[in-house]
């Protein structure tokens, strides 16, 4: 529910907090993009995280199925989703 979520920014324009379900999901998607990039290069972001698990998580966010060869597509789709969600969430200056 976007109405209950917002992103808080400091005076320099840096995001300081993500409040609410949608804002936290936005942050999760941003971290997921980096984790998929790392997994695609063979770097383990955290124990148990694999490229397949990352792509499955991306599918839950974007609603589109991805295979191992679709990592770049998943990253692009997540970035589009992130941009749209960031624009939709209220921004609060603190």
PDB file of N, CA and C in Angstrom:
ATOM      1  N   UNK A   1       0.842  -1.175   0.000  1.00  0.00           N
ATOM      2  CA  UNK A   1       0.000   0.000   0.000  1.00  0.00           C
ATOM      3  C   UNK A   1       0.889   1.239   0.000  1.00  0.00           C
ATOM      4  N   UNK A   2       0.927   1.897  -1.099  1.00  0.00           N
ATOM      5  CA  UNK A   2       1.795   3.056  -1.254  1.00  0.00           C
ATOM      6  C   UNK A   2       1.432   4.158  -0.255  1.00  0.00           C
ATOM      7  N   UNK A   3       0.163   4.265   0.119  1.00  0.00           N
ATOM      8  CA  UNK A   3      -0.256   5.327   1.030  1.00  0.00           C
ATOM      9  C   UNK A   3       0.473   5.260   2.376  1.00  0.00           C
ATOM     10  N   UNK A   4       0.862   4.055   2.798  1.00  0.00           N
ATOM     11  CA  UNK A   4       1.509   3.873   4.085  1.00  0.00           C
ATOM     12  C   UNK A   4       3.027   3.891   3.985  1.00  0.00           C
ATOM     13  N   UNK A   5       3.568   4.049   2.790  1.00  0.00           N
ATOM     14  CA  UNK A   5       5.007   3.950   2.581  1.00  0.00           C
ATOM     15  C   UNK A   5       5.569   5.276   2.098  1.00  0.00           C
ATOM     16  N   UNK A   6       6.842   5.521   2.437  1.00  0.00           N
ATOM     17  CA  UNK A   6       7.524   6.710   1.927  1.00  0.00           C
ATOM     18  C   UNK A   6       9.028   6.517   2.049  1.00  0.00           C
ATOM     19  N   UNK A   7       9.764   7.354   1.321  1.00  0.00           N
ATOM     20  CA  UNK A   7      11.226   7.368   1.393  1.00  0.00           C
ATOM     21  C   UNK A   7      11.621   8.683   2.027  1.00  0.00           C
ATOM     22  N   UNK A   8      12.466   8.625   3.036  1.00  0.00           N
ATOM     23  CA  UNK A   8      12.936   9.818   3.735  1.00  0.00           C
ATOM     24  C   UNK A   8      14.321  10.189   3.213  1.00  0.00           C
ATOM     25  N   UNK A   9      14.533  11.477   2.924  1.00  0.00           N
ATOM     26  CA  UNK A   9      15.804  11.978   2.399  1.00  0.00           C
ATOM     27  C   UNK A   9      16.394  13.010   3.355  1.00  0.00           C
ATOM     28  N   UNK A  10      17.741  13.100   3.379  1.00  0.00           N
ATOM     29  CA  UNK A  10      18.393  14.125   4.187  1.00  0.00           C
ATOM     30  C   UNK A  10      18.605  15.382   3.342  1.00  0.00           C
ATOM     31  N   UNK A  11      19.294  16.376   3.903  1.00  0.00           N
ATOM     32  CA  UNK A  11      19.505  17.647   3.218  1.00  0.00           C
ATOM     33  C   UNK A  11      20.333  17.511   1.943  1.00  0.00           C
ATOM     34  N   UNK A  12      21.194  16.503   1.877  1.00  0.00           N
ATOM     35  CA  UNK A  12      22.031  16.282   0.691  1.00  0.00           C
ATOM     36  C   UNK A  12      21.324  15.447  -0.382  1.00  0.00           C
ATOM     37  N   UNK A  13      20.084  15.049  -0.134  1.00  0.00           N
ATOM     38  CA  UNK A  13      19.330  14.277  -1.110  1.00  0.00           C
ATOM     39  C   UNK A  13      19.570  12.778  -1.052  1.00  0.00           C
ATOM     40  N   UNK A  14      20.214  12.309   0.014  1.00  0.00           N
ATOM     41  CA  UNK A  14      20.457  10.868   0.172  1.00  0.00           C
ATOM     42  C   UNK A  14      19.295  10.232   0.906  1.00  0.00           C
ATOM     43  N   UNK A  15      18.885   9.060   0.429  1.00  0.00           N
ATOM     44  CA  UNK A  15      17.809   8.333   1.099  1.00  0.00           C
ATOM     45  C   UNK A  15      18.315   7.865   2.461  1.00  0.00           C
ATOM     46  N   UNK A  16      17.576   8.191   3.506  1.00  0.00           N
ATOM     47  CA  UNK A  16      17.991   7.805   4.854  1.00  0.00           C
ATOM     48  C   UNK A  16      17.140   6.701   5.436  1.00  0.00           C
ATOM     49  N   UNK A  17      15.900   6.569   4.964  1.00  0.00           N
ATOM     50  CA  UNK A  17      15.066   5.471   5.454  1.00  0.00           C
ATOM     51  C   UNK A  17      13.977   5.140   4.447  1.00  0.00           C
ATOM     52  N   UNK A  18      13.610   3.880   4.451  1.00  0.00           N
ATOM     53  CA  UNK A  18      12.542   3.368   3.607  1.00  0.00           C
ATOM     54  C   UNK A  18      11.473   2.849   4.559  1.00  0.00           C
ATOM     55  N   UNK A  19      10.352   3.547   4.633  1.00  0.00           N
ATOM     56  CA  UNK A  19       9.323   3.254   5.626  1.00  0.00           C
ATOM     57  C   UNK A  19       8.093   2.667   4.934  1.00  0.00           C
ATOM     58  N   UNK A  20       7.627   1.537   5.422  1.00  0.00           N
ATOM     59  CA  UNK A  20       6.437   0.903   4.891  1.00  0.00           C
ATOM     60  C   UNK A  20       6.762  -0.257   3.972  1.00  0.00           C
ATOM     61  N   UNK A  21       5.762  -1.057   3.701  1.00  0.00           N
ATOM     62  CA  UNK A  21       5.926  -2.285   2.930  1.00  0.00           C
ATOM     63  C   UNK A  21       6.483  -2.025   1.531  1.00  0.00           C
ATOM     64  N   UNK A  22       5.910  -1.087   0.809  1.00  0.00           N
ATOM     65  CA  UNK A  22       6.354  -0.833  -0.561  1.00  0.00           C
ATOM     66  C   UNK A  22       7.756  -0.231  -0.606  1.00  0.00           C
ATOM     67  N   UNK A  23       8.080   0.630   0.332  1.00  0.00           N
ATOM     68  CA  UNK A  23       9.416   1.228   0.373  1.00  0.00           C
ATOM     69  C   UNK A  23      10.472   0.168   0.691  1.00  0.00           C
ATOM     70  N   UNK A  24      10.147  -0.732   1.592  1.00  0.00           N
ATOM     71  CA  UNK A  24      11.090  -1.806   1.930  1.00  0.00           C
ATOM     72  C   UNK A  24      11.260  -2.743   0.735  1.00  0.00           C
ATOM     73  N   UNK A  25      10.177  -3.017   0.010  1.00  0.00           N
ATOM     74  CA  UNK A  25      10.269  -3.860  -1.184  1.00  0.00           C
ATOM     75  C   UNK A  25      11.129  -3.174  -2.252  1.00  0.00           C
ATOM     76  N   UNK A  26      11.042  -1.865  -2.350  1.00  0.00           N
ATOM     77  CA  UNK A  26      11.888  -1.108  -3.263  1.00  0.00           C
ATOM     78  C   UNK A  26      13.358  -1.281  -2.905  1.00  0.00           C
ATOM     79  N   UNK A  27      13.677  -1.156  -1.630  1.00  0.00           N
ATOM     80  CA  UNK A  27      15.055  -1.340  -1.174  1.00  0.00           C
ATOM     81  C   UNK A  27      15.522  -2.775  -1.433  1.00  0.00           C
ATOM     82  N   UNK A  28      14.649  -3.735  -1.169  1.00  0.00           N
ATOM     83  CA  UNK A  28      14.976  -5.139  -1.417  1.00  0.00           C
ATOM     84  C   UNK A  28      15.297  -5.363  -2.893  1.00  0.00           C
ATOM     85  N   UNK A  29      14.540  -4.763  -3.780  1.00  0.00           N
ATOM     86  CA  UNK A  29      14.779  -4.924  -5.214  1.00  0.00           C
ATOM     87  C   UNK A  29      16.120  -4.318  -5.616  1.00  0.00           C
ATOM     88  N   UNK A  30      16.461  -3.171  -5.028  1.00  0.00           N
ATOM     89  CA  UNK A  30      17.750  -2.537  -5.338  1.00  0.00           C
ATOM     90  C   UNK A  30      18.915  -3.416  -4.894  1.00  0.00           C
ATOM     91  N   UNK A  31      18.804  -4.013  -3.726  1.00  0.00           N
ATOM     92  CA  UNK A  31      19.850  -4.915  -3.237  1.00  0.00           C
ATOM     93  C   UNK A  31      19.890  -6.180  -4.094  1.00  0.00           C
ATOM     94  N   UNK A  32      18.723  -6.662  -4.499  1.00  0.00           N
ATOM     95  CA  UNK A  32      18.647  -7.861  -5.329  1.00  0.00           C
ATOM     96  C   UNK A  32      19.357  -7.663  -6.666  1.00  0.00           C
ATOM     97  N   UNK A  33      19.256  -6.486  -7.253  1.00  0.00           N
ATOM     98  CA  UNK A  33      19.954  -6.201  -8.508  1.00  0.00           C
ATOM     99  C   UNK A  33      21.454  -6.436  -8.326  1.00  0.00           C
ATOM    100  N   UNK A  34      22.017  -5.907  -7.252  1.00  0.00           N
ATOM    101  CA  UNK A  34      23.447  -6.069  -7.006  1.00  0.00           C
ATOM    102  C   UNK A  34      23.807  -7.526  -6.723  1.00  0.00           C
ATOM    103  N   UNK A  35      22.951  -8.230  -5.994  1.00  0.00           N
ATOM    104  CA  UNK A  35      23.225  -9.638  -5.680  1.00  0.00           C
ATOM    105  C   UNK A  35      23.191 -10.502  -6.942  1.00  0.00           C
ATOM    106  N   UNK A  36      22.257 -10.215  -7.855  1.00  0.00           N
ATOM    107  CA  UNK A  36      22.200 -10.974  -9.109  1.00  0.00           C
ATOM    108  C   UNK A  36      23.443 -10.696  -9.943  1.00  0.00           C
ATOM    109  N   UNK A  37      23.879  -9.444  -9.976  1.00  0.00           N
ATOM    110  CA  UNK A  37      25.117  -9.112 -10.702  1.00  0.00           C
ATOM    111  C   UNK A  37      26.292  -9.898 -10.133  1.00  0.00           C
ATOM    112  N   UNK A  38      26.403  -9.946  -8.811  1.00  0.00           N
ATOM    113  CA  UNK A  38      27.500 -10.663  -8.170  1.00  0.00           C
ATOM    114  C   UNK A  38      27.417 -12.156  -8.455  1.00  0.00           C
ATOM    115  N   UNK A  39      26.224 -12.733  -8.331  1.00  0.00           N
ATOM    116  CA  UNK A  39      26.052 -14.168  -8.558  1.00  0.00           C
ATOM    117  C   UNK A  39      26.375 -14.532 -10.002  1.00  0.00           C
ATOM    118  N   UNK A  40      26.053 -13.642 -10.928  1.00  0.00           N
ATOM    119  CA  UNK A  40      26.364 -13.878 -12.328  1.00  0.00           C
ATOM    120  C   UNK A  40      27.865 -13.918 -12.594  1.00  0.00           C
ATOM    121  N   UNK A  41      28.644 -13.293 -11.703  1.00  0.00           N
ATOM    122  CA  UNK A  41      30.105 -13.296 -11.826  1.00  0.00           C
ATOM    123  C   UNK A  41      30.745 -14.373 -10.957  1.00  0.00           C
ATOM    124  N   UNK A  42      29.913 -15.189 -10.319  1.00  0.00           N
ATOM    125  CA  UNK A  42      30.426 -16.264  -9.489  1.00  0.00           C
ATOM    126  C   UNK A  42      30.746 -15.855  -8.062  1.00  0.00           C
ATOM    127  N   UNK A  43      30.366 -14.649  -7.668  1.00  0.00           N
ATOM    128  CA  UNK A  43      30.602 -14.167  -6.310  1.00  0.00           C
ATOM    129  C   UNK A  43      29.349 -14.448  -5.480  1.00  0.00           C
ATOM    130  N   UNK A  44      29.527 -15.042  -4.327  1.00  0.00           N
ATOM    131  CA  UNK A  44      28.395 -15.371  -3.464  1.00  0.00           C
ATOM    132  C   UNK A  44      28.116 -14.182  -2.555  1.00  0.00           C
ATOM    133  N   UNK A  45      26.938 -13.572  -2.728  1.00  0.00           N
ATOM    134  CA  UNK A  45      26.560 -12.409  -1.923  1.00  0.00           C
ATOM    135  C   UNK A  45      26.376 -12.794  -0.453  1.00  0.00           C
ATOM    136  N   UNK A  46      25.786 -13.933  -0.232  1.00  0.00           N
ATOM    137  CA  UNK A  46      25.592 -14.461   1.113  1.00  0.00           C
ATOM    138  C   UNK A  46      25.437 -15.972   0.991  1.00  0.00           C
ATOM    139  N   UNK A  47      25.755 -16.680   2.039  1.00  0.00           N
ATOM    140  CA  UNK A  47      25.701 -18.140   1.983  1.00  0.00           C
ATOM    141  C   UNK A  47      24.300 -18.598   1.599  1.00  0.00           C
ATOM    142  N   UNK A  48      24.243 -19.471   0.624  1.00  0.00           N
ATOM    143  CA  UNK A  48      22.965 -20.013   0.187  1.00  0.00           C
ATOM    144  C   UNK A  48      22.319 -19.242  -0.950  1.00  0.00           C
ATOM    145  N   UNK A  49      22.807 -18.050  -1.247  1.00  0.00           N
ATOM    146  CA  UNK A  49      22.233 -17.281  -2.349  1.00  0.00           C
ATOM    147  C   UNK A  49      22.853 -17.752  -3.654  1.00  0.00           C
ATOM    148  N   UNK A  50      22.006 -18.102  -4.604  1.00  0.00           N
ATOM    149  CA  UNK A  50      22.474 -18.526  -5.920  1.00  0.00           C
ATOM    150  C   UNK A  50      21.797 -17.656  -6.973  1.00  0.00           C
ATOM    151  N   UNK A  51      22.313 -17.720  -8.173  1.00  0.00           N
ATOM    152  CA  UNK A  51      21.706 -16.965  -9.268  1.00  0.00           C
ATOM    153  C   UNK A  51      20.255 -17.402  -9.460  1.00  0.00           C
ATOM    154  N   UNK A  52      19.996 -18.707  -9.390  1.00  0.00           N
ATOM    155  CA  UNK A  52      18.617 -19.191  -9.552  1.00  0.00           C
ATOM    156  C   UNK A  52      17.689 -18.651  -8.476  1.00  0.00           C
ATOM    157  N   UNK A  53      18.158 -18.589  -7.227  1.00  0.00           N
ATOM    158  CA  UNK A  53      17.327 -18.040  -6.157  1.00  0.00           C
ATOM    159  C   UNK A  53      17.072 -16.556  -6.385  1.00  0.00           C
ATOM    160  N   UNK A  54      18.090 -15.845  -6.850  1.00  0.00           N
ATOM    161  CA  UNK A  54      17.927 -14.424  -7.141  1.00  0.00           C
ATOM    162  C   UNK A  54      16.932 -14.180  -8.258  1.00  0.00           C
ATOM    163  N   UNK A  55      16.993 -15.007  -9.284  1.00  0.00           N
ATOM    164  CA  UNK A  55      16.058 -14.862 -10.400  1.00  0.00           C
ATOM    165  C   UNK A  55      14.634 -15.212  -9.978  1.00  0.00           C
ATOM    166  N   UNK A  56      14.504 -16.167  -9.068  1.00  0.00           N
ATOM    167  CA  UNK A  56      13.178 -16.504  -8.551  1.00  0.00           C
ATOM    168  C   UNK A  56      12.613 -15.329  -7.747  1.00  0.00           C
ATOM    169  N   UNK A  57      13.469 -14.682  -6.961  1.00  0.00           N
ATOM    170  CA  UNK A  57      13.040 -13.497  -6.203  1.00  0.00           C
ATOM    171  C   UNK A  57      12.650 -12.369  -7.156  1.00  0.00           C
ATOM    172  N   UNK A  58      13.421 -12.196  -8.222  1.00  0.00           N
ATOM    173  CA  UNK A  58      13.106 -11.166  -9.216  1.00  0.00           C
ATOM    174  C   UNK A  58      11.748 -11.448  -9.860  1.00  0.00           C
ATOM    175  N   UNK A  59      11.460 -12.719 -10.116  1.00  0.00           N
ATOM    176  CA  UNK A  59      10.174 -13.104 -10.695  1.00  0.00           C
ATOM    177  C   UNK A  59       9.016 -12.727  -9.781  1.00  0.00           C
ATOM    178  N   UNK A  60       9.210 -12.867  -8.475  1.00  0.00           N
ATOM    179  CA  UNK A  60       8.162 -12.516  -7.521  1.00  0.00           C
ATOM    180  C   UNK A  60       7.885 -11.017  -7.531  1.00  0.00           C
ATOM    181  N   UNK A  61       8.896 -10.221  -7.836  1.00  0.00           N
ATOM    182  CA  UNK A  61       8.723  -8.772  -7.860  1.00  0.00           C
ATOM    183  C   UNK A  61       8.134  -8.307  -9.186  1.00  0.00           C
ATOM    184  N   UNK A  62       8.685  -8.798 -10.299  1.00  0.00           N
ATOM    185  CA  UNK A  62       8.269  -8.311 -11.614  1.00  0.00           C
ATOM    186  C   UNK A  62       7.095  -9.077 -12.211  1.00  0.00           C
ATOM    187  N   UNK A  63       6.865 -10.310 -11.732  1.00  0.00           N
ATOM    188  CA  UNK A  63       5.789 -11.124 -12.269  1.00  0.00           C
ATOM    189  C   UNK A  63       6.153 -11.825 -13.568  1.00  0.00           C
ATOM    190  N   UNK A  64       7.435 -11.873 -13.879  1.00  0.00           N
ATOM    191  CA  UNK A  64       7.913 -12.491 -15.121  1.00  0.00           C
ATOM    192  C   UNK A  64       8.892 -13.602 -14.775  1.00  0.00           C
ATOM    193  N   UNK A  65       8.829 -14.726 -15.471  1.00  0.00           N
ATOM    194  CA  UNK A  65       9.739 -15.844 -15.202  1.00  0.00           C
ATOM    195  C   UNK A  65      11.091 -15.611 -15.869  1.00  0.00           C
ATOM    196  N   UNK A  66      12.166 -15.982 -15.162  1.00  0.00           N
ATOM    197  CA  UNK A  66      13.521 -15.828 -15.681  1.00  0.00           C
ATOM    198  C   UNK A  66      14.279 -17.149 -15.558  1.00  0.00           C
ATOM    199  N   UNK A  67      15.143 -17.395 -16.532  1.00  0.00           N
ATOM    200  CA  UNK A  67      16.037 -18.548 -16.516  1.00  0.00           C
ATOM    201  C   UNK A  67      17.457 -18.044 -16.304  1.00  0.00           C
ATOM    202  N   UNK A  68      18.399 -18.955 -16.080  1.00  0.00           N
ATOM    203  CA  UNK A  68      19.799 -18.568 -15.821  1.00  0.00           C
ATOM    204  C   UNK A  68      20.351 -17.625 -16.884  1.00  0.00           C
ATOM    205  N   UNK A  69      19.942 -17.827 -18.109  1.00  0.00           N
ATOM    206  CA  UNK A  69      20.456 -16.990 -19.200  1.00  0.00           C
ATOM    207  C   UNK A  69      19.775 -15.620 -19.260  1.00  0.00           C
ATOM    208  N   UNK A  70      18.773 -15.407 -18.416  1.00  0.00           N
ATOM    209  CA  UNK A  70      18.010 -14.154 -18.423  1.00  0.00           C
ATOM    210  C   UNK A  70      18.420 -13.187 -17.318  1.00  0.00           C
ATOM    211  N   UNK A  71      19.595 -13.355 -16.751  1.00  0.00           N
ATOM    212  CA  UNK A  71      20.003 -12.500 -15.631  1.00  0.00           C
ATOM    213  C   UNK A  71      20.016 -11.032 -16.029  1.00  0.00           C
ATOM    214  N   UNK A  72      20.545 -10.712 -17.204  1.00  0.00           N
ATOM    215  CA  UNK A  72      20.583  -9.316 -17.649  1.00  0.00           C
ATOM    216  C   UNK A  72      19.174  -8.758 -17.844  1.00  0.00           C
ATOM    217  N   UNK A  73      18.282  -9.573 -18.375  1.00  0.00           N
ATOM    218  CA  UNK A  73      16.894  -9.153 -18.553  1.00  0.00           C
ATOM    219  C   UNK A  73      16.231  -8.906 -17.199  1.00  0.00           C
ATOM    220  N   UNK A  74      16.486  -9.780 -16.239  1.00  0.00           N
ATOM    221  CA  UNK A  74      15.927  -9.615 -14.899  1.00  0.00           C
ATOM    222  C   UNK A  74      16.426  -8.320 -14.271  1.00  0.00           C
ATOM    223  N   UNK A  75      17.696  -8.019 -14.437  1.00  0.00           N
ATOM    224  CA  UNK A  75      18.256  -6.783 -13.889  1.00  0.00           C
ATOM    225  C   UNK A  75      17.596  -5.567 -14.533  1.00  0.00           C
ATOM    226  N   UNK A  76      17.434  -5.593 -15.855  1.00  0.00           N
ATOM    227  CA  UNK A  76      16.779  -4.464 -16.546  1.00  0.00           C
ATOM    228  C   UNK A  76      15.344  -4.294 -16.067  1.00  0.00           C
ATOM    229  N   UNK A  77      14.607  -5.417 -15.953  1.00  0.00           N
ATOM    230  CA  UNK A  77      13.217  -5.343 -15.502  1.00  0.00           C
ATOM    231  C   UNK A  77      13.131  -4.820 -14.069  1.00  0.00           C
ATOM    232  N   UNK A  78      14.044  -5.269 -13.217  1.00  0.00           N
ATOM    233  CA  UNK A  78      14.051  -4.782 -11.834  1.00  0.00           C
ATOM    234  C   UNK A  78      14.350  -3.289 -11.786  1.00  0.00           C
ATOM    235  N   UNK A  79      15.280  -2.829 -12.604  1.00  0.00           N
ATOM    236  CA  UNK A  79      15.606  -1.396 -12.620  1.00  0.00           C
ATOM    237  C   UNK A  79      14.416  -0.558 -13.070  1.00  0.00           C
ATOM    238  N   UNK A  80      13.657  -1.052 -14.038  1.00  0.00           N
ATOM    239  CA  UNK A  80      12.441  -0.352 -14.468  1.00  0.00           C
ATOM    240  C   UNK A  80      11.430  -0.328 -13.324  1.00  0.00           C
ATOM    241  N   UNK A  81      11.244  -1.465 -12.670  1.00  0.00           N
ATOM    242  CA  UNK A  81      10.312  -1.555 -11.548  1.00  0.00           C
ATOM    243  C   UNK A  81      10.736  -0.604 -10.430  1.00  0.00           C
ATOM    244  N   UNK A  82      12.031  -0.560 -10.143  1.00  0.00           N
ATOM    245  CA  UNK A  82      12.553   0.316  -9.088  1.00  0.00           C
ATOM    246  C   UNK A  82      12.277   1.772  -9.429  1.00  0.00           C
ATOM    247  N   UNK A  83      12.540   2.169 -10.659  1.00  0.00           N
ATOM    248  CA  UNK A  83      12.317   3.559 -11.069  1.00  0.00           C
ATOM    249  C   UNK A  83      10.839   3.937 -10.956  1.00  0.00           C
ATOM    250  N   UNK A  84       9.961   3.040 -11.388  1.00  0.00           N
ATOM    251  CA  UNK A  84       8.527   3.316 -11.305  1.00  0.00           C
ATOM    252  C   UNK A  84       8.061   3.400  -9.856  1.00  0.00           C
ATOM    253  N   UNK A  85       8.549   2.493  -9.021  1.00  0.00           N
ATOM    254  CA  UNK A  85       8.152   2.506  -7.614  1.00  0.00           C
ATOM    255  C   UNK A  85       8.704   3.742  -6.903  1.00  0.00           C
ATOM    256  N   UNK A  86       9.935   4.126  -7.206  1.00  0.00           N
ATOM    257  CA  UNK A  86      10.529   5.315  -6.588  1.00  0.00           C
ATOM    258  C   UNK A  86       9.716   6.561  -6.936  1.00  0.00           C
ATOM    259  N   UNK A  87       9.251   6.636  -8.182  1.00  0.00           N
ATOM    260  CA  UNK A  87       8.431   7.771  -8.598  1.00  0.00           C
ATOM    261  C   UNK A  87       7.055   7.764  -7.929  1.00  0.00           C
ATOM    262  N   UNK A  88       6.533   6.569  -7.648  1.00  0.00           N
ATOM    263  CA  UNK A  88       5.193   6.458  -7.066  1.00  0.00           C
ATOM    264  C   UNK A  88       5.182   6.713  -5.562  1.00  0.00           C
ATOM    265  N   UNK A  89       6.303   6.470  -4.888  1.00  0.00           N
ATOM    266  CA  UNK A  89       6.328   6.631  -3.428  1.00  0.00           C
ATOM    267  C   UNK A  89       6.511   8.095  -3.036  1.00  0.00           C
ATOM    268  N   UNK A  90       5.825   8.535  -1.989  1.00  0.00           N
ATOM    269  CA  UNK A  90       6.053   9.886  -1.483  1.00  0.00           C
ATOM    270  C   UNK A  90       7.472  10.028  -0.973  1.00  0.00           C
ATOM    271  N   UNK A  91       8.027  11.212  -1.163  1.00  0.00           N
ATOM    272  CA  UNK A  91       9.384  11.498  -0.699  1.00  0.00           C
ATOM    273  C   UNK A  91       9.313  12.578   0.373  1.00  0.00           C
ATOM    274  N   UNK A  92       9.909  12.282   1.526  1.00  0.00           N
ATOM    275  CA  UNK A  92       9.853  13.182   2.666  1.00  0.00           C
ATOM    276  C   UNK A  92      11.249  13.723   2.932  1.00  0.00           C
ATOM    277  N   UNK A  93      11.359  15.037   3.038  1.00  0.00           N
ATOM    278  CA  UNK A  93      12.647  15.665   3.349  1.00  0.00           C
ATOM    279  C   UNK A  93      12.765  15.780   4.876  1.00  0.00           C
ATOM    280  N   UNK A  94      13.821  15.244   5.439  1.00  0.00           N
ATOM    281  CA  UNK A  94      14.015  15.290   6.900  1.00  0.00           C
ATOM    282  C   UNK A  94      15.163  16.189   7.257  1.00  0.00           C
TER     283      UNK A  94
END
